[in-house]
PDB file of N, CA and C in Angstrom:
ATOM      1  N   MET A   1       0.833  -1.196  -0.001  1.00  0.00           N
ATOM      2  CA  MET A   1      -0.014  -0.001   0.015  1.00  0.00           C
ATOM      3  C   MET A   1       0.879   1.262   0.006  1.00  0.00           C
ATOM      4  N   LYS A   2       0.531   2.210  -0.850  1.00  0.00           N
ATOM      5  CA  LYS A   2       1.303   3.446  -0.930  1.00  0.00           C
ATOM      6  C   LYS A   2       0.989   4.323   0.292  1.00  0.00           C
ATOM      7  N   LYS A   3       2.036   4.937   0.813  1.00  0.00           N
ATOM      8  CA  LYS A   3       1.881   5.780   1.995  1.00  0.00           C
ATOM      9  C   LYS A   3       1.968   7.260   1.656  1.00  0.00           C
ATOM     10  N   ASN A   4       1.294   8.068   2.471  1.00  0.00           N
ATOM     11  CA  ASN A   4       1.356   9.498   2.319  1.00  0.00           C
ATOM     12  C   ASN A   4       2.583  10.053   3.093  1.00  0.00           C
ATOM     13  N   CYS A   5       2.927  11.295   2.808  1.00  0.00           N
ATOM     14  CA  CYS A   5       4.149  11.881   3.396  1.00  0.00           C
ATOM     15  C   CYS A   5       4.110  11.823   4.912  1.00  0.00           C
ATOM     16  N   TRP A   6       2.982  12.139   5.541  1.00  0.00           N
ATOM     17  CA  TRP A   6       2.941  12.173   7.006  1.00  0.00           C
ATOM     18  C   TRP A   6       3.070  10.769   7.617  1.00  0.00           C
ATOM     19  N   GLU A   7       2.747   9.750   6.842  1.00  0.00           N
ATOM     20  CA  GLU A   7       2.912   8.372   7.333  1.00  0.00           C
ATOM     21  C   GLU A   7       4.402   7.952   7.267  1.00  0.00           C
ATOM     22  N   VAL A   8       5.073   8.443   6.247  1.00  0.00           N
ATOM     23  CA  VAL A   8       6.475   8.089   6.062  1.00  0.00           C
ATOM     24  C   VAL A   8       7.376   8.954   6.946  1.00  0.00           C
ATOM     25  N   LYS A   9       7.132  10.244   6.923  1.00  0.00           N
ATOM     26  CA  LYS A   9       7.984  11.213   7.656  1.00  0.00           C
ATOM     27  C   LYS A   9       7.641  11.333   9.132  1.00  0.00           C
ATOM     28  N   GLN A  10       6.484  10.855   9.516  1.00  0.00           N
ATOM     29  CA  GLN A  10       6.050  10.865  10.940  1.00  0.00           C
ATOM     30  C   GLN A  10       6.125  12.287  11.537  1.00  0.00           C
ATOM     31  N   CYS A  11       5.634  13.277  10.772  1.00  0.00           N
ATOM     32  CA  CYS A  11       5.699  14.678  11.210  1.00  0.00           C
ATOM     33  C   CYS A  11       4.629  14.985  12.265  1.00  0.00           C
ATOM     34  N   GLY A  12       3.550  14.227  12.303  1.00  0.00           N
ATOM     35  CA  GLY A  12       2.492  14.506  13.288  1.00  0.00           C
ATOM     36  C   GLY A  12       1.581  15.647  12.942  1.00  0.00           C
ATOM     37  N   ARG A  13       1.654  16.154  11.711  1.00  0.00           N
ATOM     38  CA  ARG A  13       0.821  17.287  11.308  1.00  0.00           C
ATOM     39  C   ARG A  13      -0.444  16.904  10.530  1.00  0.00           C
ATOM     40  N   GLU A  14      -0.729  15.612  10.425  1.00  0.00           N
ATOM     41  CA  GLU A  14      -1.957  15.169   9.814  1.00  0.00           C
ATOM     42  C   GLU A  14      -3.134  15.497  10.760  1.00  0.00           C
ATOM     43  N   PRO A  15      -4.370  15.595  10.245  1.00  0.00           N
ATOM     44  CA  PRO A  15      -5.497  15.848  11.163  1.00  0.00           C
ATOM     45  C   PRO A  15      -5.482  14.825  12.304  1.00  0.00           C
ATOM     46  N   GLY A  16      -5.508  15.382  13.523  1.00  0.00           N
ATOM     47  CA  GLY A  16      -5.442  14.523  14.728  1.00  0.00           C
ATOM     48  C   GLY A  16      -4.049  14.152  15.170  1.00  0.00           C
ATOM     49  N   GLY A  17      -3.039  14.634  14.424  1.00  0.00           N
ATOM     50  CA  GLY A  17      -1.654  14.279  14.742  1.00  0.00           C
ATOM     51  C   GLY A  17      -1.160  14.967  15.998  1.00  0.00           C
ATOM     52  N   HIS A  18      -0.122  14.373  16.602  1.00  0.00           N
ATOM     53  CA  HIS A  18       0.388  14.857  17.886  1.00  0.00           C
ATOM     54  C   HIS A  18       1.055  16.224  17.833  1.00  0.00           C
ATOM     55  N   ARG A  19       1.453  16.701  16.650  1.00  0.00           N
ATOM     56  CA  ARG A  19       2.118  18.015  16.550  1.00  0.00           C
ATOM     57  C   ARG A  19       1.141  19.128  16.138  1.00  0.00           C
ATOM     58  N   VAL A  20      -0.110  18.784  15.849  1.00  0.00           N
ATOM     59  CA  VAL A  20      -1.080  19.792  15.414  1.00  0.00           C
ATOM     60  C   VAL A  20      -1.275  20.896  16.425  1.00  0.00           C
ATOM     61  N   PRO A  21      -1.355  20.653  17.730  1.00  0.00           N
ATOM     62  CA  PRO A  21      -1.526  21.772  18.674  1.00  0.00           C
ATOM     63  C   PRO A  21      -0.402  22.790  18.603  1.00  0.00           C
ATOM     64  N   ASP A  22       0.816  22.373  18.304  1.00  0.00           N
ATOM     65  CA  ASP A  22       1.952  23.283  18.241  1.00  0.00           C
ATOM     66  C   ASP A  22       2.179  23.870  16.834  1.00  0.00           C
ATOM     67  N   LEU A  23       2.003  23.064  15.805  1.00  0.00           N
ATOM     68  CA  LEU A  23       2.391  23.431  14.444  1.00  0.00           C
ATOM     69  C   LEU A  23       1.241  23.594  13.466  1.00  0.00           C
ATOM     70  N   GLY A  24       0.061  23.162  13.845  1.00  0.00           N
ATOM     71  CA  GLY A  24      -1.091  23.229  12.959  1.00  0.00           C
ATOM     72  C   GLY A  24      -1.121  22.039  12.028  1.00  0.00           C
ATOM     73  N   VAL A  25      -2.270  21.902  11.361  1.00  0.00           N
ATOM     74  CA  VAL A  25      -2.468  20.817  10.393  1.00  0.00           C
ATOM     75  C   VAL A  25      -1.713  21.183   9.113  1.00  0.00           C
ATOM     76  N   CYS A  26      -1.000  20.243   8.556  1.00  0.00           N
ATOM     77  CA  CYS A  26      -0.248  20.460   7.340  1.00  0.00           C
ATOM     78  C   CYS A  26      -1.197  20.603   6.151  1.00  0.00           C
ATOM     79  N   PRO A  27      -0.980  21.589   5.283  1.00  0.00           N
ATOM     80  CA  PRO A  27      -1.841  21.758   4.127  1.00  0.00           C
ATOM     81  C   PRO A  27      -1.803  20.559   3.161  1.00  0.00           C
ATOM     82  N   ALA A  28      -0.707  19.817   3.136  1.00  0.00           N
ATOM     83  CA  ALA A  28      -0.665  18.622   2.287  1.00  0.00           C
ATOM     84  C   ALA A  28      -1.653  17.568   2.744  1.00  0.00           C
ATOM     85  N   ALA A  29      -1.975  17.576   4.017  1.00  0.00           N
ATOM     86  CA  ALA A  29      -2.922  16.577   4.554  1.00  0.00           C
ATOM     87  C   ALA A  29      -4.376  16.966   4.346  1.00  0.00           C
ATOM     88  N   THR A  30      -4.620  18.179   3.906  1.00  0.00           N
ATOM     89  CA  THR A  30      -6.007  18.642   3.774  1.00  0.00           C
ATOM     90  C   THR A  30      -6.359  19.221   2.406  1.00  0.00           C
ATOM     91  N   ASP A  31      -5.384  19.462   1.532  1.00  0.00           N
ATOM     92  CA  ASP A  31      -5.646  20.089   0.239  1.00  0.00           C
ATOM     93  C   ASP A  31      -6.222  19.047  -0.720  1.00  0.00           C
ATOM     94  N   THR A  32      -7.538  19.069  -0.865  1.00  0.00           N
ATOM     95  CA  THR A  32      -8.208  18.059  -1.683  1.00  0.00           C
ATOM     96  C   THR A  32      -8.132  18.323  -3.181  1.00  0.00           C
ATOM     97  N   ARG A  33      -7.554  19.442  -3.584  1.00  0.00           N
ATOM     98  CA  ARG A  33      -7.374  19.689  -5.027  1.00  0.00           C
ATOM     99  C   ARG A  33      -6.448  18.646  -5.630  1.00  0.00           C
ATOM    100  N   LEU A  34      -5.629  18.041  -4.819  1.00  0.00           N
ATOM    101  CA  LEU A  34      -4.662  17.025  -5.318  1.00  0.00           C
ATOM    102  C   LEU A  34      -5.044  15.631  -4.837  1.00  0.00           C
ATOM    103  N   GLN A  35      -6.288  15.459  -4.396  1.00  0.00           N
ATOM    104  CA  GLN A  35      -6.778  14.172  -3.930  1.00  0.00           C
ATOM    105  C   GLN A  35      -6.544  13.088  -4.994  1.00  0.00           C
ATOM    106  N   GLY A  36      -5.927  11.999  -4.597  1.00  0.00           N
ATOM    107  CA  GLY A  36      -5.746  10.853  -5.504  1.00  0.00           C
ATOM    108  C   GLY A  36      -4.487  10.899  -6.353  1.00  0.00           C
ATOM    109  N   VAL A  37      -3.792  12.027  -6.377  1.00  0.00           N
ATOM    110  CA  VAL A  37      -2.563  12.101  -7.169  1.00  0.00           C
ATOM    111  C   VAL A  37      -1.564  11.102  -6.581  1.00  0.00           C
ATOM    112  N   HIS A  38      -0.996  10.313  -7.448  1.00  0.00           N
ATOM    113  CA  HIS A  38      -0.088   9.216  -7.077  1.00  0.00           C
ATOM    114  C   HIS A  38      -0.732   8.289  -6.045  1.00  0.00           C
ATOM    115  N   ASP A  39      -2.055   8.187  -6.095  1.00  0.00           N
ATOM    116  CA  ASP A  39      -2.835   7.316  -5.168  1.00  0.00           C
ATOM    117  C   ASP A  39      -2.742   7.768  -3.709  1.00  0.00           C
ATOM    118  N   GLY A  40      -2.594   9.054  -3.529  1.00  0.00           N
ATOM    119  CA  GLY A  40      -2.493   9.593  -2.157  1.00  0.00           C
ATOM    120  C   GLY A  40      -3.786  10.203  -1.656  1.00  0.00           C
ATOM    121  N   LYS A  41      -3.798  10.450  -0.358  1.00  0.00           N
ATOM    122  CA  LYS A  41      -4.884  11.140   0.294  1.00  0.00           C
ATOM    123  C   LYS A  41      -4.564  12.633   0.327  1.00  0.00           C
ATOM    124  N   ALA A  42      -5.525  13.490  -0.087  1.00  0.00           N
ATOM    125  CA  ALA A  42      -5.286  14.935  -0.232  1.00  0.00           C
ATOM    126  C   ALA A  42      -4.009  15.116  -1.069  1.00  0.00           C
ATOM    127  N   ALA A  43      -3.029  15.896  -0.581  1.00  0.00           N
ATOM    128  CA  ALA A  43      -1.782  16.069  -1.334  1.00  0.00           C
ATOM    129  C   ALA A  43      -0.633  15.279  -0.700  1.00  0.00           C
ATOM    130  N   GLY A  44      -0.996  14.193  -0.073  1.00  0.00           N
ATOM    131  CA  GLY A  44      -0.047  13.383   0.678  1.00  0.00           C
ATOM    132  C   GLY A  44       1.038  12.680  -0.107  1.00  0.00           C
ATOM    133  N   ARG A  45       0.881  12.638  -1.435  1.00  0.00           N
ATOM    134  CA  ARG A  45       1.935  12.036  -2.255  1.00  0.00           C
ATOM    135  C   ARG A  45       2.410  13.015  -3.330  1.00  0.00           C
ATOM    136  N   CYS A  46       2.213  14.287  -3.035  1.00  0.00           N
ATOM    137  CA  CYS A  46       2.755  15.349  -3.888  1.00  0.00           C
ATOM    138  C   CYS A  46       2.966  16.628  -3.054  1.00  0.00           C
ATOM    139  N   CYS A  47       3.417  16.436  -1.823  1.00  0.00           N
ATOM    140  CA  CYS A  47       3.574  17.516  -0.863  1.00  0.00           C
ATOM    141  C   CYS A  47       4.555  18.596  -1.320  1.00  0.00           C
ATOM    142  N   TRP A  48       5.446  18.262  -2.229  1.00  0.00           N
ATOM    143  CA  TRP A  48       6.465  19.193  -2.668  1.00  0.00           C
ATOM    144  C   TRP A  48       5.912  20.387  -3.412  1.00  0.00           C
ATOM    145  N   VAL A  49       4.653  20.332  -3.882  1.00  0.00           N
ATOM    146  CA  VAL A  49       4.093  21.490  -4.576  1.00  0.00           C
ATOM    147  C   VAL A  49       3.184  22.336  -3.664  1.00  0.00           C
ATOM    148  N   VAL A  50       3.017  21.916  -2.429  1.00  0.00           N
ATOM    149  CA  VAL A  50       2.098  22.597  -1.490  1.00  0.00           C
ATOM    150  C   VAL A  50       2.878  23.505  -0.543  1.00  0.00           C
ATOM    151  N   ALA A  51       2.534  24.785  -0.534  1.00  0.00           N
ATOM    152  CA  ALA A  51       3.187  25.714   0.395  1.00  0.00           C
ATOM    153  C   ALA A  51       2.832  25.395   1.836  1.00  0.00           C
ATOM    154  N   GLY A  52       3.765  25.608   2.762  1.00  0.00           N
ATOM    155  CA  GLY A  52       3.477  25.458   4.170  1.00  0.00           C
ATOM    156  C   GLY A  52       3.703  24.098   4.756  1.00  0.00           C
ATOM    157  N   THR A  53       4.324  23.176   3.983  1.00  0.00           N
ATOM    158  CA  THR A  53       4.596  21.859   4.524  1.00  0.00           C
ATOM    159  C   THR A  53       5.782  21.945   5.471  1.00  0.00           C
ATOM    160  N   PHE A  54       6.031  20.872   6.185  1.00  0.00           N
ATOM    161  CA  PHE A  54       7.059  20.812   7.244  1.00  0.00           C
ATOM    162  C   PHE A  54       8.250  19.997   6.770  1.00  0.00           C
ATOM    163  N   CYS A  55       9.455  20.517   7.012  1.00  0.00           N
ATOM    164  CA  CYS A  55      10.667  19.770   6.653  1.00  0.00           C
ATOM    165  C   CYS A  55      11.820  20.247   7.494  1.00  0.00           C
ATOM    166  N   GLY A  56      12.591  19.284   7.981  1.00  0.00           N
ATOM    167  CA  GLY A  56      13.769  19.628   8.720  1.00  0.00           C
ATOM    168  C   GLY A  56      13.508  20.459   9.958  1.00  0.00           C
ATOM    169  N   GLY A  57      12.334  20.300  10.552  1.00  0.00           N
ATOM    170  CA  GLY A  57      12.022  21.055  11.765  1.00  0.00           C
ATOM    171  C   GLY A  57      11.425  22.435  11.519  1.00  0.00           C
ATOM    172  N   ASN A  58      11.210  22.773  10.244  1.00  0.00           N
ATOM    173  CA  ASN A  58      10.672  24.096   9.954  1.00  0.00           C
ATOM    174  C   ASN A  58       9.518  24.020   8.928  1.00  0.00           C
ATOM    175  N   VAL A  59       8.582  24.939   9.067  1.00  0.00           N
ATOM    176  CA  VAL A  59       7.546  25.047   8.066  1.00  0.00           C
ATOM    177  C   VAL A  59       8.175  25.713   6.841  1.00  0.00           C
ATOM    178  N   GLN A  60       7.917  25.136   5.689  1.00  0.00           N
ATOM    179  CA  GLN A  60       8.487  25.606   4.454  1.00  0.00           C
ATOM    180  C   GLN A  60       7.597  26.663   3.786  1.00  0.00           C
ATOM    181  N   GLY A  61       8.156  27.350   2.815  1.00  0.00           N
ATOM    182  CA  GLY A  61       7.446  28.424   2.143  1.00  0.00           C
ATOM    183  C   GLY A  61       6.740  27.953   0.879  1.00  0.00           C
ATOM    184  N   THR A  62       6.805  28.795  -0.155  1.00  0.00           N
ATOM    185  CA  THR A  62       6.141  28.518  -1.419  1.00  0.00           C
ATOM    186  C   THR A  62       6.895  27.443  -2.194  1.00  0.00           C
ATOM    187  N   PHE A  63       6.268  26.969  -3.266  1.00  0.00           N
ATOM    188  CA  PHE A  63       6.906  25.953  -4.130  1.00  0.00           C
ATOM    189  C   PHE A  63       8.277  26.453  -4.600  1.00  0.00           C
ATOM    190  N   ALA A  64       8.342  27.680  -5.070  1.00  0.00           N
ATOM    191  CA  ALA A  64       9.594  28.229  -5.591  1.00  0.00           C
ATOM    192  C   ALA A  64      10.682  28.230  -4.525  1.00  0.00           C
ATOM    193  N   GLU A  65      10.306  28.496  -3.298  1.00  0.00           N
ATOM    194  CA  GLU A  65      11.290  28.567  -2.202  1.00  0.00           C
ATOM    195  C   GLU A  65      11.741  27.202  -1.720  1.00  0.00           C
ATOM    196  N   LYS A  66      10.905  26.199  -1.903  1.00  0.00           N
ATOM    197  CA  LYS A  66      11.220  24.902  -1.253  1.00  0.00           C
ATOM    198  C   LYS A  66      11.540  23.780  -2.218  1.00  0.00           C
ATOM    199  N   PHE A  67      11.268  23.891  -3.498  1.00  0.00           N
ATOM    200  CA  PHE A  67      11.384  22.739  -4.369  1.00  0.00           C
ATOM    201  C   PHE A  67      12.776  22.166  -4.428  1.00  0.00           C
ATOM    202  N   GLU A  68      13.772  22.990  -4.353  1.00  0.00           N
ATOM    203  CA  GLU A  68      15.170  22.458  -4.436  1.00  0.00           C
ATOM    204  C   GLU A  68      15.408  21.485  -3.291  1.00  0.00           C
ATOM    205  N   SER A  69      15.044  21.851  -2.090  1.00  0.00           N
ATOM    206  CA  SER A  69      15.247  20.929  -0.966  1.00  0.00           C
ATOM    207  C   SER A  69      14.279  19.720  -1.053  1.00  0.00           C
ATOM    208  N   CYS A  70      13.044  19.951  -1.517  1.00  0.00           N
ATOM    209  CA  CYS A  70      12.094  18.848  -1.679  1.00  0.00           C
ATOM    210  C   CYS A  70      12.600  17.826  -2.700  1.00  0.00           C
ATOM    211  N   SER A  71      13.258  18.314  -3.749  1.00  0.00           N
ATOM    212  CA  SER A  71      13.740  17.388  -4.784  1.00  0.00           C
ATOM    213  C   SER A  71      14.821  16.468  -4.279  1.00  0.00           C
ATOM    214  N   LEU A  72      15.420  16.792  -3.134  1.00  0.00           N
ATOM    215  CA  LEU A  72      16.451  15.958  -2.514  1.00  0.00           C
ATOM    216  C   LEU A  72      15.889  15.060  -1.410  1.00  0.00           C
ATOM    217  N   CYS A  73      14.609  15.192  -1.138  1.00  0.00           N
ATOM    218  CA  CYS A  73      13.948  14.464  -0.047  1.00  0.00           C
ATOM    219  C   CYS A  73      13.763  12.981  -0.378  1.00  0.00           C
ATOM    220  N   ASP A  74      13.961  12.134   0.645  1.00  0.00           N
ATOM    221  CA  ASP A  74      13.799  10.697   0.457  1.00  0.00           C
ATOM    222  C   ASP A  74      12.365  10.347   0.068  1.00  0.00           C
ATOM    223  N   PHE A  75      11.399  11.072   0.568  1.00  0.00           N
ATOM    224  CA  PHE A  75       9.994  10.787   0.251  1.00  0.00           C
ATOM    225  C   PHE A  75       9.710  11.091  -1.233  1.00  0.00           C
ATOM    226  N   TYR A  76      10.211  12.215  -1.708  1.00  0.00           N
ATOM    227  CA  TYR A  76      10.055  12.599  -3.111  1.00  0.00           C
ATOM    228  C   TYR A  76      10.661  11.506  -3.992  1.00  0.00           C
ATOM    229  N   ALA A  77      11.854  11.047  -3.656  1.00  0.00           N
ATOM    230  CA  ALA A  77      12.496   9.956  -4.417  1.00  0.00           C
ATOM    231  C   ALA A  77      11.677   8.672  -4.361  1.00  0.00           C
ATOM    232  N   LYS A  78      11.099   8.375  -3.227  1.00  0.00           N
ATOM    233  CA  LYS A  78      10.265   7.201  -3.034  1.00  0.00           C
ATOM    234  C   LYS A  78       9.068   7.259  -3.976  1.00  0.00           C
ATOM    235  N   VAL A  79       8.365   8.377  -4.001  1.00  0.00           N
ATOM    236  CA  VAL A  79       7.197   8.527  -4.857  1.00  0.00           C
ATOM    237  C   VAL A  79       7.601   8.431  -6.325  1.00  0.00           C
ATOM    238  N   ARG A  80       8.651   9.120  -6.708  1.00  0.00           N
ATOM    239  CA  ARG A  80       9.121   9.031  -8.105  1.00  0.00           C
ATOM    240  C   ARG A  80       9.394   7.561  -8.499  1.00  0.00           C
ATOM    241  N   GLY A  81      10.061   6.846  -7.630  1.00  0.00           N
ATOM    242  CA  GLY A  81      10.369   5.429  -7.914  1.00  0.00           C
ATOM    243  C   GLY A  81       9.150   4.577  -7.982  1.00  0.00           C
ATOM    244  N   GLU A  82       8.226   4.786  -7.067  1.00  0.00           N
ATOM    245  CA  GLU A  82       6.980   3.980  -7.045  1.00  0.00           C
ATOM    246  C   GLU A  82       6.085   4.267  -8.236  1.00  0.00           C
ATOM    247  N   GLU A  83       6.042   5.505  -8.691  1.00  0.00           N
ATOM    248  CA  GLU A  83       5.166   5.877  -9.759  1.00  0.00           C
ATOM    249  C   GLU A  83       5.770   5.616 -11.140  1.00  0.00           C
ATOM    250  N   GLY A  84       7.042   5.688 -11.280  1.00  0.00           N
ATOM    251  CA  GLY A  84       7.702   5.444 -12.589  1.00  0.00           C
ATOM    252  C   GLY A  84       7.144   6.399 -13.631  1.00  0.00           C
ATOM    253  N   ALA A  85       6.690   5.823 -14.767  1.00  0.00           N
ATOM    254  CA  ALA A  85       6.191   6.629 -15.873  1.00  0.00           C
ATOM    255  C   ALA A  85       4.886   7.353 -15.532  1.00  0.00           C
ATOM    256  N   ARG A  86       4.227   6.974 -14.467  1.00  0.00           N
ATOM    257  CA  ARG A  86       2.964   7.601 -14.030  1.00  0.00           C
ATOM    258  C   ARG A  86       3.222   8.851 -13.161  1.00  0.00           C
ATOM    259  N   PHE A  87       4.455   9.126 -12.858  1.00  0.00           N
ATOM    260  CA  PHE A  87       4.795  10.269 -11.990  1.00  0.00           C
ATOM    261  C   PHE A  87       4.353  11.560 -12.621  1.00  0.00           C
ATOM    262  N   LYS A  88       3.594  12.360 -11.869  1.00  0.00           N
ATOM    263  CA  LYS A  88       3.145  13.675 -12.363  1.00  0.00           C
ATOM    264  C   LYS A  88       4.175  14.720 -11.907  1.00  0.00           C
ATOM    265  N   HIS A  89       4.703  15.433 -12.891  1.00  0.00           N
ATOM    266  CA  HIS A  89       5.720  16.429 -12.595  1.00  0.00           C
ATOM    267  C   HIS A  89       5.095  17.682 -12.014  1.00  0.00           C
ATOM    268  N   ALA A  90       5.947  18.491 -11.406  1.00  0.00           N
ATOM    269  CA  ALA A  90       5.509  19.676 -10.664  1.00  0.00           C
ATOM    270  C   ALA A  90       4.664  20.618 -11.521  1.00  0.00           C
ATOM    271  N   VAL A  91       5.022  20.809 -12.778  1.00  0.00           N
ATOM    272  CA  VAL A  91       4.268  21.732 -13.662  1.00  0.00           C
ATOM    273  C   VAL A  91       2.815  21.266 -13.743  1.00  0.00           C
ATOM    274  N   THR A  92       2.588  20.002 -13.908  1.00  0.00           N
ATOM    275  CA  THR A  92       1.243  19.462 -13.998  1.00  0.00           C
ATOM    276  C   THR A  92       0.491  19.647 -12.686  1.00  0.00           C
ATOM    277  N   LEU A  93       1.180  19.362 -11.575  1.00  0.00           N
ATOM    278  CA  LEU A  93       0.531  19.497 -10.277  1.00  0.00           C
ATOM    279  C   LEU A  93       0.195  20.938  -9.945  1.00  0.00           C
ATOM    280  N   LEU A  94       1.063  21.862 -10.287  1.00  0.00           N
ATOM    281  CA  LEU A  94       0.822  23.266 -10.000  1.00  0.00           C
ATOM    282  C   LEU A  94      -0.412  23.758 -10.763  1.00  0.00           C
ATOM    283  N   LYS A  95      -0.612  23.273 -11.965  1.00  0.00           N
ATOM    284  CA  LYS A  95      -1.801  23.630 -12.744  1.00  0.00           C
ATOM    285  C   LYS A  95      -3.063  23.134 -12.038  1.00  0.00           C
ATOM    286  N   MET A  96      -2.972  21.973 -11.396  1.00  0.00           N
ATOM    287  CA  MET A  96      -4.105  21.418 -10.678  1.00  0.00           C
ATOM    288  C   MET A  96      -4.482  22.294  -9.459  1.00  0.00           C
ATOM    289  N   LEU A  97      -3.508  23.016  -8.923  1.00  0.00           N
ATOM    290  CA  LEU A  97      -3.744  23.845  -7.755  1.00  0.00           C
ATOM    291  C   LEU A  97      -4.425  25.175  -8.094  1.00  0.00           C
ATOM    292  N   LYS A  98      -4.448  25.541  -9.343  1.00  0.00           N
ATOM    293  CA  LYS A  98      -5.057  26.820  -9.753  1.00  0.00           C
ATOM    294  C   LYS A  98      -6.568  26.743  -9.805  1.00  0.00           C
TER     295      LYS A  98
END
């Protein structure tokens, strides 16, 4: 079964997660515009295009500000590998957010 970012990274920012009182709910866990992309829940398998996600102990900014670090993330590599030719690139995903 394919896992969402919060399941792999254990950030605790999913709805009901243990870090929500301190850090809030992650937008990747609630943005339904990307529901089902890469077989994920909300934007859970394409978090790199969603502003305000959590990485390295900090809330990240916009796509333009964070994509370089996201492209080096183990979860990003995992999704790319699992999806293969079905992988939706950032340009396609950003259009879905409009």
